[in-house]
PDB file of N, CA and C in Angstrom:
ATOM      1  N   MET A   1     103.202 138.192 106.866  1.00  0.00           N
ATOM      2  CA  MET A   1     102.164 138.287 107.703  1.00  0.00           C
ATOM      3  C   MET A   1     102.546 137.964 109.205  1.00  0.00           C
ATOM      4  N   LEU A   2     102.610 139.261 109.876  1.00  0.00           N
ATOM      5  CA  LEU A   2     103.334 139.004 111.596  1.00  0.00           C
ATOM      6  C   LEU A   2     101.930 138.572 112.251  1.00  0.00           C
ATOM      7  N   ASP A   3     102.585 137.538 113.154  1.00  0.00           N
ATOM      8  CA  ASP A   3     101.515 137.091 114.103  1.00  0.00           C
ATOM      9  C   ASP A   3     102.404 136.847 115.572  1.00  0.00           C
ATOM     10  N   LEU A   4     101.851 138.529 116.045  1.00  0.00           N
ATOM     11  CA  LEU A   4     102.485 138.276 117.907  1.00  0.00           C
ATOM     12  C   LEU A   4     101.395 137.999 118.513  1.00  0.00           C
ATOM     13  N   MET A   5     101.902 137.612 119.936  1.00  0.00           N
ATOM     14  CA  MET A   5     100.715 136.649 121.446  1.00  0.00           C
ATOM     15  C   MET A   5     100.943 138.149 121.953  1.00  0.00           C
ATOM     16  N   ILE A   6      99.970 138.902 122.265  1.00  0.00           N
ATOM     17  CA  ILE A   6      99.406 139.834 122.636  1.00  0.00           C
ATOM     18  C   ILE A   6      98.810 139.506 123.924  1.00  0.00           C
ATOM     19  N   VAL A   7      99.335 139.646 125.730  1.00  0.00           N
ATOM     20  CA  VAL A   7      99.405 139.564 126.122  1.00  0.00           C
ATOM     21  C   VAL A   7      98.692 140.819 127.123  1.00  0.00           C
ATOM     22  N   GLY A   8      97.532 140.513 127.884  1.00  0.00           N
ATOM     23  CA  GLY A   8      97.372 141.742 128.645  1.00  0.00           C
ATOM     24  C   GLY A   8      95.682 141.498 129.541  1.00  0.00           C
ATOM     25  N   ASN A   9      95.207 142.631 130.257  1.00  0.00           N
ATOM     26  CA  ASN A   9      93.986 142.467 130.938  1.00  0.00           C
ATOM     27  C   ASN A   9      92.585 142.665 130.258  1.00  0.00           C
ATOM     28  N   SER A  10      91.821 141.870 130.746  1.00  0.00           N
ATOM     29  CA  SER A  10      90.510 142.213 129.957  1.00  0.00           C
ATOM     30  C   SER A  10      89.511 142.974 130.888  1.00  0.00           C
ATOM     31  N   SER A  11      88.991 143.642 129.995  1.00  0.00           N
ATOM     32  CA  SER A  11      88.011 144.435 130.554  1.00  0.00           C
ATOM     33  C   SER A  11      87.072 144.118 131.887  1.00  0.00           C
ATOM     34  N   GLU A  12      87.222 142.658 131.662  1.00  0.00           N
ATOM     35  CA  GLU A  12      86.379 141.946 133.537  1.00  0.00           C
ATOM     36  C   GLU A  12      87.312 141.923 134.363  1.00  0.00           C
ATOM     37  N   GLY A  13      88.723 142.338 134.337  1.00  0.00           N
ATOM     38  CA  GLY A  13      89.915 141.916 135.223  1.00  0.00           C
ATOM     39  C   GLY A  13      90.395 141.013 134.864  1.00  0.00           C
ATOM     40  N   GLY A  14      90.137 139.712 134.513  1.00  0.00           N
ATOM     41  CA  GLY A  14      90.866 138.256 134.089  1.00  0.00           C
ATOM     42  C   GLY A  14      92.052 138.793 133.179  1.00  0.00           C
ATOM     43  N   ASP A  15      92.802 137.861 133.328  1.00  0.00           N
ATOM     44  CA  ASP A  15      93.570 137.803 131.787  1.00  0.00           C
ATOM     45  C   ASP A  15      93.295 137.520 130.642  1.00  0.00           C
ATOM     46  N   SER A  16      94.061 137.892 129.691  1.00  0.00           N
ATOM     47  CA  SER A  16      93.206 137.698 128.155  1.00  0.00           C
ATOM     48  C   SER A  16      94.299 137.969 127.353  1.00  0.00           C
ATOM     49  N   SER A  17      94.510 136.949 126.409  1.00  0.00           N
ATOM     50  CA  SER A  17      95.766 136.948 125.276  1.00  0.00           C
ATOM     51  C   SER A  17      94.758 136.912 123.871  1.00  0.00           C
ATOM     52  N   ARG A  18      95.326 137.293 123.014  1.00  0.00           N
ATOM     53  CA  ARG A  18      95.269 136.957 122.209  1.00  0.00           C
ATOM     54  C   ARG A  18      96.136 137.121 120.761  1.00  0.00           C
ATOM     55  N   SER A  19      95.848 136.846 119.624  1.00  0.00           N
ATOM     56  CA  SER A  19      96.988 137.057 118.703  1.00  0.00           C
ATOM     57  C   SER A  19      96.537 138.226 117.604  1.00  0.00           C
ATOM     58  N   LEU A  20      97.680 138.873 117.267  1.00  0.00           N
ATOM     59  CA  LEU A  20      97.979 140.105 116.401  1.00  0.00           C
ATOM     60  C   LEU A  20      98.228 139.659 115.014  1.00  0.00           C
ATOM     61  N   SER A  21      97.289 139.376 114.218  1.00  0.00           N
ATOM     62  CA  SER A  21      97.929 138.954 112.476  1.00  0.00           C
ATOM     63  C   SER A  21      97.686 140.218 111.955  1.00  0.00           C
ATOM     64  N   LEU A  22      98.328 140.740 111.012  1.00  0.00           N
ATOM     65  CA  LEU A  22      98.210 141.362 110.043  1.00  0.00           C
ATOM     66  C   LEU A  22      99.122 141.091 108.685  1.00  0.00           C
ATOM     67  N   ASP A  23      98.540 141.348 107.604  1.00  0.00           N
ATOM     68  CA  ASP A  23      98.678 141.017 106.301  1.00  0.00           C
ATOM     69  C   ASP A  23     100.359 141.334 105.802  1.00  0.00           C
ATOM     70  N   THR A  24     100.101 142.984 106.094  1.00  0.00           N
ATOM     71  CA  THR A  24     101.401 143.754 105.193  1.00  0.00           C
ATOM     72  C   THR A  24     101.987 144.775 105.810  1.00  0.00           C
ATOM     73  N   PRO A  25     103.471 144.773 105.606  1.00  0.00           N
ATOM     74  CA  PRO A  25     103.914 145.487 106.359  1.00  0.00           C
ATOM     75  C   PRO A  25     103.840 146.840 106.458  1.00  0.00           C
ATOM     76  N   GLN A  26     102.772 147.824 106.059  1.00  0.00           N
ATOM     77  CA  GLN A  26     102.717 149.028 106.280  1.00  0.00           C
ATOM     78  C   GLN A  26     101.901 148.875 107.282  1.00  0.00           C
ATOM     79  N   GLU A  27     100.942 147.635 107.744  1.00  0.00           N
ATOM     80  CA  GLU A  27      99.996 147.801 108.808  1.00  0.00           C
ATOM     81  C   GLU A  27     100.894 147.258 109.868  1.00  0.00           C
ATOM     82  N   VAL A  28     102.002 146.453 109.549  1.00  0.00           N
ATOM     83  CA  VAL A  28     102.927 146.131 110.846  1.00  0.00           C
ATOM     84  C   VAL A  28     103.538 147.037 111.641  1.00  0.00           C
ATOM     85  N   THR A  29     104.278 147.667 110.944  1.00  0.00           N
ATOM     86  CA  THR A  29     104.872 148.524 111.211  1.00  0.00           C
ATOM     87  C   THR A  29     104.669 149.092 112.792  1.00  0.00           C
ATOM     88  N   PHE A  30     103.669 150.171 112.661  1.00  0.00           N
ATOM     89  CA  PHE A  30     103.584 150.993 114.086  1.00  0.00           C
ATOM     90  C   PHE A  30     102.685 150.261 114.719  1.00  0.00           C
ATOM     91  N   GLU A  31     101.667 149.837 114.646  1.00  0.00           N
ATOM     92  CA  GLU A  31     100.629 149.163 115.518  1.00  0.00           C
ATOM     93  C   GLU A  31     101.498 147.836 116.045  1.00  0.00           C
ATOM     94  N   ALA A  32     102.320 147.035 115.063  1.00  0.00           N
ATOM     95  CA  ALA A  32     103.029 145.850 116.051  1.00  0.00           C
ATOM     96  C   ALA A  32     104.594 146.211 117.141  1.00  0.00           C
ATOM     97  N   PHE A  33     104.703 147.553 116.833  1.00  0.00           N
ATOM     98  CA  PHE A  33     106.159 148.040 117.573  1.00  0.00           C
ATOM     99  C   PHE A  33     105.330 148.283 118.983  1.00  0.00           C
ATOM    100  N   HIS A  34     103.954 149.082 118.288  1.00  0.00           N
ATOM    101  CA  HIS A  34     103.429 149.746 119.604  1.00  0.00           C
ATOM    102  C   HIS A  34     102.683 148.184 120.650  1.00  0.00           C
ATOM    103  N   ASN A  35     102.380 147.601 120.148  1.00  0.00           N
ATOM    104  CA  ASN A  35     101.988 146.115 120.782  1.00  0.00           C
ATOM    105  C   ASN A  35     102.681 145.762 121.683  1.00  0.00           C
ATOM    106  N   TRP A  36     104.067 145.515 120.910  1.00  0.00           N
ATOM    107  CA  TRP A  36     105.376 144.898 121.516  1.00  0.00           C
ATOM    108  C   TRP A  36     105.497 145.849 122.515  1.00  0.00           C
ATOM    109  N   CYS A  37     105.633 146.904 122.558  1.00  0.00           N
ATOM    110  CA  CYS A  37     105.971 148.059 123.895  1.00  0.00           C
ATOM    111  C   CYS A  37     104.849 147.770 124.894  1.00  0.00           C
ATOM    112  N   SER A  38     103.701 148.280 124.160  1.00  0.00           N
ATOM    113  CA  SER A  38     102.807 147.972 125.583  1.00  0.00           C
ATOM    114  C   SER A  38     103.075 146.869 126.270  1.00  0.00           C
ATOM    115  N   THR A  39     103.181 145.347 125.968  1.00  0.00           N
ATOM    116  CA  THR A  39     103.501 144.108 126.085  1.00  0.00           C
ATOM    117  C   THR A  39     104.364 143.836 127.299  1.00  0.00           C
ATOM    118  N   ARG A  40     105.442 144.736 126.740  1.00  0.00           N
ATOM    119  CA  ARG A  40     106.522 144.648 127.922  1.00  0.00           C
ATOM    120  C   ARG A  40     106.202 145.871 128.861  1.00  0.00           C
ATOM    121  N   ILE A  41     105.725 146.966 128.715  1.00  0.00           N
ATOM    122  CA  ILE A  41     105.246 147.795 129.870  1.00  0.00           C
ATOM    123  C   ILE A  41     104.439 147.006 131.056  1.00  0.00           C
ATOM    124  N   GLN A  42     103.312 145.952 130.589  1.00  0.00           N
ATOM    125  CA  GLN A  42     102.591 145.588 131.342  1.00  0.00           C
ATOM    126  C   GLN A  42     102.839 144.193 132.282  1.00  0.00           C
ATOM    127  N   GLU A  43     104.422 144.048 131.523  1.00  0.00           N
ATOM    128  CA  GLU A  43     104.719 142.721 132.437  1.00  0.00           C
ATOM    129  C   GLU A  43     106.285 143.196 133.059  1.00  0.00           C
ATOM    130  N   SER A  44     106.383 144.357 132.978  1.00  0.00           N
ATOM    131  CA  SER A  44     107.528 145.254 133.948  1.00  0.00           C
ATOM    132  C   SER A  44     106.993 145.201 135.248  1.00  0.00           C
ATOM    133  N   ALA A  45     108.281 145.518 136.032  1.00  0.00           N
ATOM    134  CA  ALA A  45     107.952 146.214 137.534  1.00  0.00           C
ATOM    135  C   ALA A  45     108.613 147.271 137.684  1.00  0.00           C
ATOM    136  N   LEU A  46     109.278 147.664 136.491  1.00  0.00           N
ATOM    137  CA  LEU A  46     110.100 149.170 136.604  1.00  0.00           C
ATOM    138  C   LEU A  46     109.083 150.233 136.453  1.00  0.00           C
ATOM    139  N   SER A  47     109.490 151.654 136.564  1.00  0.00           N
ATOM    140  CA  SER A  47     108.760 152.410 136.249  1.00  0.00           C
ATOM    141  C   SER A  47     108.618 152.903 134.614  1.00  0.00           C
ATOM    142  N   LYS A  48     107.653 153.731 134.646  1.00  0.00           N
ATOM    143  CA  LYS A  48     107.200 154.263 133.325  1.00  0.00           C
ATOM    144  C   LYS A  48     108.556 154.722 132.414  1.00  0.00           C
ATOM    145  N   GLU A  49     108.986 155.461 133.102  1.00  0.00           N
ATOM    146  CA  GLU A  49     110.183 156.008 132.373  1.00  0.00           C
ATOM    147  C   GLU A  49     111.125 155.070 132.327  1.00  0.00           C
ATOM    148  N   GLY A  50     111.818 153.885 133.646  1.00  0.00           N
ATOM    149  CA  GLY A  50     112.697 152.742 133.469  1.00  0.00           C
ATOM    150  C   GLY A  50     112.420 152.026 132.194  1.00  0.00           C
ATOM    151  N   ILE A  51     110.830 151.673 131.811  1.00  0.00           N
ATOM    152  CA  ILE A  51     110.271 150.856 131.081  1.00  0.00           C
ATOM    153  C   ILE A  51     110.694 151.332 129.756  1.00  0.00           C
ATOM    154  N   VAL A  52     111.021 152.694 129.316  1.00  0.00           N
ATOM    155  CA  VAL A  52     110.898 153.388 128.380  1.00  0.00           C
ATOM    156  C   VAL A  52     112.183 153.537 127.808  1.00  0.00           C
ATOM    157  N   GLU A  53     113.302 153.869 128.880  1.00  0.00           N
ATOM    158  CA  GLU A  53     114.610 153.675 128.926  1.00  0.00           C
ATOM    159  C   GLU A  53     115.338 152.478 128.778  1.00  0.00           C
ATOM    160  N   GLU A  54     114.453 151.245 129.194  1.00  0.00           N
ATOM    161  CA  GLU A  54     114.977 149.879 129.223  1.00  0.00           C
ATOM    162  C   GLU A  54     114.561 149.591 127.518  1.00  0.00           C
ATOM    163  N   ILE A  55     113.549 150.357 127.019  1.00  0.00           N
ATOM    164  CA  ILE A  55     113.239 149.451 125.382  1.00  0.00           C
ATOM    165  C   ILE A  55     114.073 150.409 124.770  1.00  0.00           C
ATOM    166  N   PHE A  56     114.044 151.225 124.613  1.00  0.00           N
ATOM    167  CA  PHE A  56     115.314 152.314 124.093  1.00  0.00           C
ATOM    168  C   PHE A  56     116.327 151.700 124.014  1.00  0.00           C
ATOM    169  N   GLY A  57     116.693 151.183 124.790  1.00  0.00           N
ATOM    170  CA  GLY A  57     118.487 150.389 125.009  1.00  0.00           C
ATOM    171  C   GLY A  57     118.565 149.214 124.157  1.00  0.00           C
ATOM    172  N   MET A  58     117.365 148.466 124.255  1.00  0.00           N
ATOM    173  CA  MET A  58     117.374 147.141 123.586  1.00  0.00           C
ATOM    174  C   MET A  58     117.307 147.230 121.780  1.00  0.00           C
ATOM    175  N   ILE A  59     116.499 148.768 121.769  1.00  0.00           N
ATOM    176  CA  ILE A  59     116.460 148.915 120.313  1.00  0.00           C
ATOM    177  C   ILE A  59     118.170 149.547 119.789  1.00  0.00           C
ATOM    178  N   ASN A  60     118.386 150.260 120.467  1.00  0.00           N
ATOM    179  CA  ASN A  60     119.759 151.073 120.199  1.00  0.00           C
ATOM    180  C   ASN A  60     120.734 150.178 120.672  1.00  0.00           C
ATOM    181  N   ALA A  61     121.005 149.266 119.428  1.00  0.00           N
ATOM    182  CA  ALA A  61     121.584 148.004 119.808  1.00  0.00           C
ATOM    183  C   ALA A  61     123.742 148.541 120.083  1.00  0.00           C
ATOM    184  N   ASP A  62     123.587 149.704 119.573  1.00  0.00           N
ATOM    185  CA  ASP A  62     125.397 150.152 119.310  1.00  0.00           C
ATOM    186  C   ASP A  62     125.496 151.441 120.328  1.00  0.00           C
ATOM    187  N   GLY A  63     124.132 151.528 120.929  1.00  0.00           N
ATOM    188  CA  GLY A  63     125.126 152.680 122.291  1.00  0.00           C
ATOM    189  C   GLY A  63     125.090 154.182 121.857  1.00  0.00           C
ATOM    190  N   SER A  64     124.593 154.098 120.407  1.00  0.00           N
ATOM    191  CA  SER A  64     125.236 155.603 119.973  1.00  0.00           C
ATOM    192  C   SER A  64     123.893 156.514 120.652  1.00  0.00           C
ATOM    193  N   GLY A  65     123.011 156.157 121.304  1.00  0.00           N
ATOM    194  CA  GLY A  65     121.756 157.419 121.963  1.00  0.00           C
ATOM    195  C   GLY A  65     120.952 157.978 120.903  1.00  0.00           C
ATOM    196  N   ALA A  66     121.163 156.843 119.788  1.00  0.00           N
ATOM    197  CA  ALA A  66     119.908 157.109 118.230  1.00  0.00           C
ATOM    198  C   ALA A  66     119.568 155.873 118.070  1.00  0.00           C
ATOM    199  N   ILE A  67     118.325 155.845 117.669  1.00  0.00           N
ATOM    200  CA  ILE A  67     117.735 154.200 116.957  1.00  0.00           C
ATOM    201  C   ILE A  67     118.002 154.607 115.638  1.00  0.00           C
ATOM    202  N   SER A  68     118.817 154.029 114.784  1.00  0.00           N
ATOM    203  CA  SER A  68     118.715 154.110 113.313  1.00  0.00           C
ATOM    204  C   SER A  68     117.581 153.129 112.655  1.00  0.00           C
ATOM    205  N   VAL A  69     117.396 153.058 111.350  1.00  0.00           N
ATOM    206  CA  VAL A  69     116.551 151.983 110.203  1.00  0.00           C
ATOM    207  C   VAL A  69     116.832 150.902 110.886  1.00  0.00           C
ATOM    208  N   ASP A  70     118.372 150.401 110.234  1.00  0.00           N
ATOM    209  CA  ASP A  70     118.758 149.045 110.839  1.00  0.00           C
ATOM    210  C   ASP A  70     118.391 148.330 112.406  1.00  0.00           C
ATOM    211  N   GLU A  71     118.476 149.415 113.056  1.00  0.00           N
ATOM    212  CA  GLU A  71     118.308 149.007 114.673  1.00  0.00           C
ATOM    213  C   GLU A  71     116.778 148.506 114.380  1.00  0.00           C
ATOM    214  N   PHE A  72     116.358 149.256 114.111  1.00  0.00           N
ATOM    215  CA  PHE A  72     114.182 148.349 114.063  1.00  0.00           C
ATOM    216  C   PHE A  72     114.429 147.569 113.439  1.00  0.00           C
ATOM    217  N   VAL A  73     115.206 147.784 112.276  1.00  0.00           N
ATOM    218  CA  VAL A  73     114.696 146.324 111.313  1.00  0.00           C
ATOM    219  C   VAL A  73     115.274 145.151 112.219  1.00  0.00           C
ATOM    220  N   SER A  74     116.455 145.248 112.871  1.00  0.00           N
ATOM    221  CA  SER A  74     116.896 144.436 113.592  1.00  0.00           C
ATOM    222  C   SER A  74     115.828 143.650 114.471  1.00  0.00           C
ATOM    223  N   ILE A  75     115.619 145.061 115.160  1.00  0.00           N
ATOM    224  CA  ILE A  75     114.031 144.592 116.275  1.00  0.00           C
ATOM    225  C   ILE A  75     113.072 143.821 115.835  1.00  0.00           C
ATOM    226  N   PHE A  76     112.664 144.131 114.783  1.00  0.00           N
ATOM    227  CA  PHE A  76     111.432 143.459 114.059  1.00  0.00           C
ATOM    228  C   PHE A  76     111.628 142.241 113.904  1.00  0.00           C
ATOM    229  N   GLU A  77     113.308 141.968 113.264  1.00  0.00           N
ATOM    230  CA  GLU A  77     113.595 140.574 112.871  1.00  0.00           C
ATOM    231  C   GLU A  77     113.637 139.576 114.630  1.00  0.00           C
ATOM    232  N   THR A  78     114.177 140.225 115.364  1.00  0.00           N
ATOM    233  CA  THR A  78     113.846 139.572 116.731  1.00  0.00           C
ATOM    234  C   THR A  78     112.509 139.079 116.939  1.00  0.00           C
ATOM    235  N   LEU A  79     111.496 139.968 116.740  1.00  0.00           N
ATOM    236  CA  LEU A  79     110.188 139.698 116.932  1.00  0.00           C
ATOM    237  C   LEU A  79     109.350 138.562 115.627  1.00  0.00           C
ATOM    238  N   GLY A  80     110.264 138.274 114.965  1.00  0.00           N
ATOM    239  CA  GLY A  80     110.388 137.269 113.851  1.00  0.00           C
ATOM    240  C   GLY A  80     109.595 137.592 112.514  1.00  0.00           C
ATOM    241  N   GLU A  81     109.810 139.254 111.990  1.00  0.00           N
ATOM    242  CA  GLU A  81     109.191 139.807 111.014  1.00  0.00           C
ATOM    243  C   GLU A  81     110.270 140.444 110.136  1.00  0.00           C
ATOM    244  N   VAL A  82     110.123 140.334 108.918  1.00  0.00           N
ATOM    245  CA  VAL A  82     111.403 141.004 108.131  1.00  0.00           C
ATOM    246  C   VAL A  82     110.419 141.631 107.765  1.00  0.00           C
ATOM    247  N   LEU A  83     111.176 143.027 107.770  1.00  0.00           N
ATOM    248  CA  LEU A  83     110.039 144.032 107.314  1.00  0.00           C
ATOM    249  C   LEU A  83     111.106 144.952 106.058  1.00  0.00           C
ATOM    250  N   ASP A  84     110.800 145.450 105.130  1.00  0.00           N
ATOM    251  CA  ASP A  84     111.037 145.980 104.402  1.00  0.00           C
ATOM    252  C   ASP A  84     111.718 147.585 104.847  1.00  0.00           C
ATOM    253  N   HIS A  85     112.690 147.815 104.238  1.00  0.00           N
ATOM    254  CA  HIS A  85     113.465 149.224 105.073  1.00  0.00           C
ATOM    255  C   HIS A  85     112.793 150.302 104.572  1.00  0.00           C
ATOM    256  N   GLU A  86     111.806 150.428 103.588  1.00  0.00           N
ATOM    257  CA  GLU A  86     111.285 151.490 103.301  1.00  0.00           C
ATOM    258  C   GLU A  86     109.746 151.717 104.308  1.00  0.00           C
ATOM    259  N   ASP A  87     109.441 150.561 104.558  1.00  0.00           N
ATOM    260  CA  ASP A  87     108.332 150.670 105.841  1.00  0.00           C
ATOM    261  C   ASP A  87     109.093 150.885 107.102  1.00  0.00           C
ATOM    262  N   VAL A  88     110.108 150.549 107.327  1.00  0.00           N
ATOM    263  CA  VAL A  88     110.638 150.850 108.651  1.00  0.00           C
ATOM    264  C   VAL A  88     111.612 152.413 108.342  1.00  0.00           C
ATOM    265  N   ARG A  89     111.376 152.940 107.721  1.00  0.00           N
ATOM    266  CA  ARG A  89     111.990 153.940 107.195  1.00  0.00           C
ATOM    267  C   ARG A  89     110.881 155.154 107.203  1.00  0.00           C
ATOM    268  N   GLU A  90     109.830 154.526 106.900  1.00  0.00           N
ATOM    269  CA  GLU A  90     107.999 155.128 107.388  1.00  0.00           C
ATOM    270  C   GLU A  90     107.754 155.500 108.810  1.00  0.00           C
ATOM    271  N   LEU A  91     108.078 154.460 109.621  1.00  0.00           N
ATOM    272  CA  LEU A  91     107.854 154.130 111.375  1.00  0.00           C
ATOM    273  C   LEU A  91     109.459 155.067 111.781  1.00  0.00           C
ATOM    274  N   VAL A  92     110.102 155.241 111.427  1.00  0.00           N
ATOM    275  CA  VAL A  92     111.393 156.485 111.961  1.00  0.00           C
ATOM    276  C   VAL A  92     110.866 157.628 111.884  1.00  0.00           C
ATOM    277  N   TYR A  93     110.304 157.917 110.362  1.00  0.00           N
ATOM    278  CA  TYR A  93     109.647 159.385 109.995  1.00  0.00           C
ATOM    279  C   TYR A  93     108.811 159.874 110.787  1.00  0.00           C
ATOM    280  N   GLN A  94     107.964 159.210 111.197  1.00  0.00           N
ATOM    281  CA  GLN A  94     106.761 159.391 112.175  1.00  0.00           C
ATOM    282  C   GLN A  94     106.922 159.777 113.425  1.00  0.00           C
ATOM    283  N   MET A  95     108.422 159.505 113.588  1.00  0.00           N
ATOM    284  CA  MET A  95     108.254 159.787 115.274  1.00  0.00           C
ATOM    285  C   MET A  95     109.933 160.606 115.163  1.00  0.00           C
ATOM    286  N   ASP A  96     110.157 161.173 114.210  1.00  0.00           N
ATOM    287  CA  ASP A  96     111.557 161.617 113.714  1.00  0.00           C
ATOM    288  C   ASP A  96     111.384 163.470 113.879  1.00  0.00           C
ATOM    289  N   ARG A  97     110.923 164.035 115.282  1.00  0.00           N
ATOM    290  CA  ARG A  97     110.764 165.342 115.405  1.00  0.00           C
ATOM    291  C   ARG A  97     111.490 165.956 115.136  1.00  0.00           C
ATOM    292  N   ASN A  98     112.964 165.916 114.827  1.00  0.00           N
ATOM    293  CA  ASN A  98     114.532 166.842 114.674  1.00  0.00           C
ATOM    294  C   ASN A  98     114.525 166.205 113.127  1.00  0.00           C
ATOM    295  N   GLY A  99     114.094 165.594 112.752  1.00  0.00           N
ATOM    296  CA  GLY A  99     114.425 165.527 111.033  1.00  0.00           C
ATOM    297  C   GLY A  99     115.982 164.470 110.757  1.00  0.00           C
ATOM    298  N   ASP A 100     116.614 164.316 111.834  1.00  0.00           N
ATOM    299  CA  ASP A 100     118.090 163.970 111.352  1.00  0.00           C
ATOM    300  C   ASP A 100     117.835 162.508 111.170  1.00  0.00           C
ATOM    301  N   GLY A 101     117.030 161.789 110.790  1.00  0.00           N
ATOM    302  CA  GLY A 101     116.636 160.210 110.065  1.00  0.00           C
ATOM    303  C   GLY A 101     116.974 159.214 111.327  1.00  0.00           C
ATOM    304  N   LYS A 102     117.030 159.895 112.493  1.00  0.00           N
ATOM    305  CA  LYS A 102     117.205 158.639 113.550  1.00  0.00           C
ATOM    306  C   LYS A 102     116.228 159.175 114.637  1.00  0.00           C
ATOM    307  N   ILE A 103     116.170 158.242 115.720  1.00  0.00           N
ATOM    308  CA  ILE A 103     115.029 158.631 117.157  1.00  0.00           C
ATOM    309  C   ILE A 103     115.894 158.609 118.180  1.00  0.00           C
ATOM    310  N   ASP A 104     116.332 159.562 118.932  1.00  0.00           N
ATOM    311  CA  ASP A 104     116.890 159.996 119.896  1.00  0.00           C
ATOM    312  C   ASP A 104     116.322 159.686 121.060  1.00  0.00           C
ATOM    313  N   ILE A 105     116.388 159.594 122.538  1.00  0.00           N
ATOM    314  CA  ILE A 105     115.303 159.237 123.820  1.00  0.00           C
ATOM    315  C   ILE A 105     114.677 160.176 123.855  1.00  0.00           C
ATOM    316  N   GLU A 106     114.858 161.171 123.577  1.00  0.00           N
ATOM    317  CA  GLU A 106     113.464 162.228 123.535  1.00  0.00           C
ATOM    318  C   GLU A 106     112.539 161.940 123.048  1.00  0.00           C
ATOM    319  N   GLU A 107     112.469 161.699 121.618  1.00  0.00           N
ATOM    320  CA  GLU A 107     111.690 161.306 120.410  1.00  0.00           C
ATOM    321  C   GLU A 107     111.212 160.214 120.717  1.00  0.00           C
ATOM    322  N   PHE A 108     112.033 158.983 121.219  1.00  0.00           N
ATOM    323  CA  PHE A 108     111.508 157.850 121.784  1.00  0.00           C
ATOM    324  C   PHE A 108     110.255 157.898 123.175  1.00  0.00           C
ATOM    325  N   ARG A 109     110.837 158.867 123.715  1.00  0.00           N
ATOM    326  CA  ARG A 109     109.825 159.257 124.889  1.00  0.00           C
ATOM    327  C   ARG A 109     108.857 159.874 124.872  1.00  0.00           C
ATOM    328  N   HIS A 110     108.710 160.639 123.447  1.00  0.00           N
ATOM    329  CA  HIS A 110     107.353 161.302 122.966  1.00  0.00           C
ATOM    330  C   HIS A 110     106.239 160.535 122.147  1.00  0.00           C
ATOM    331  N   MET A 111     107.092 159.485 121.720  1.00  0.00           N
ATOM    332  CA  MET A 111     106.237 158.671 121.234  1.00  0.00           C
ATOM    333  C   MET A 111     105.504 157.446 122.193  1.00  0.00           C
ATOM    334  N   MET A 112     106.397 157.459 123.036  1.00  0.00           N
ATOM    335  CA  MET A 112     105.483 156.063 124.152  1.00  0.00           C
ATOM    336  C   MET A 112     104.884 156.968 124.673  1.00  0.00           C
ATOM    337  N   GLN A 113     104.922 157.917 125.136  1.00  0.00           N
ATOM    338  CA  GLN A 113     104.048 158.881 126.075  1.00  0.00           C
ATOM    339  C   GLN A 113     102.559 159.220 125.349  1.00  0.00           C
ATOM    340  N   LYS A 114     102.702 159.366 124.014  1.00  0.00           N
ATOM    341  CA  LYS A 114     101.604 160.199 123.095  1.00  0.00           C
ATOM    342  C   LYS A 114     100.801 158.538 122.913  1.00  0.00           C
ATOM    343  N   HIS A 115     101.663 157.402 122.588  1.00  0.00           N
ATOM    344  CA  HIS A 115     101.061 156.138 122.044  1.00  0.00           C
ATOM    345  C   HIS A 115     100.727 154.649 123.074  1.00  0.00           C
ATOM    346  N   VAL A 116     102.038 155.039 123.682  1.00  0.00           N
ATOM    347  CA  VAL A 116     101.794 153.370 124.730  1.00  0.00           C
ATOM    348  C   VAL A 116     101.407 153.786 125.773  1.00  0.00           C
ATOM    349  N   ILE A 117     102.226 154.639 126.488  1.00  0.00           N
ATOM    350  CA  ILE A 117     101.717 154.578 128.160  1.00  0.00           C
ATOM    351  C   ILE A 117     100.837 155.924 128.548  1.00  0.00           C
TER     352      ILE A 117
END
């Protein structure tokens, strides 16, 4: 089970926090990743583009310019969640627009603009 603390602003303008608990890896992959990215964006003073590039760079640990399944698995482990490689492959498949099995900066930027920022 994933248990992340999500911090943000309430509709009344005050601070709010909530815990996100999900029971299955299939539910966790996309939603947990988006929530983590959204929280990072809210906490940063960087421009949206700078934040996207920063998050991409954090996940792209080998500096290859593309995020692999293993790099996504690693970031989820950093978040405290061990996910099945097949579940992470599904996440990558959802974002992979050119079909190479990895996520480049443009694919990542597209996903972030569509779903997060």
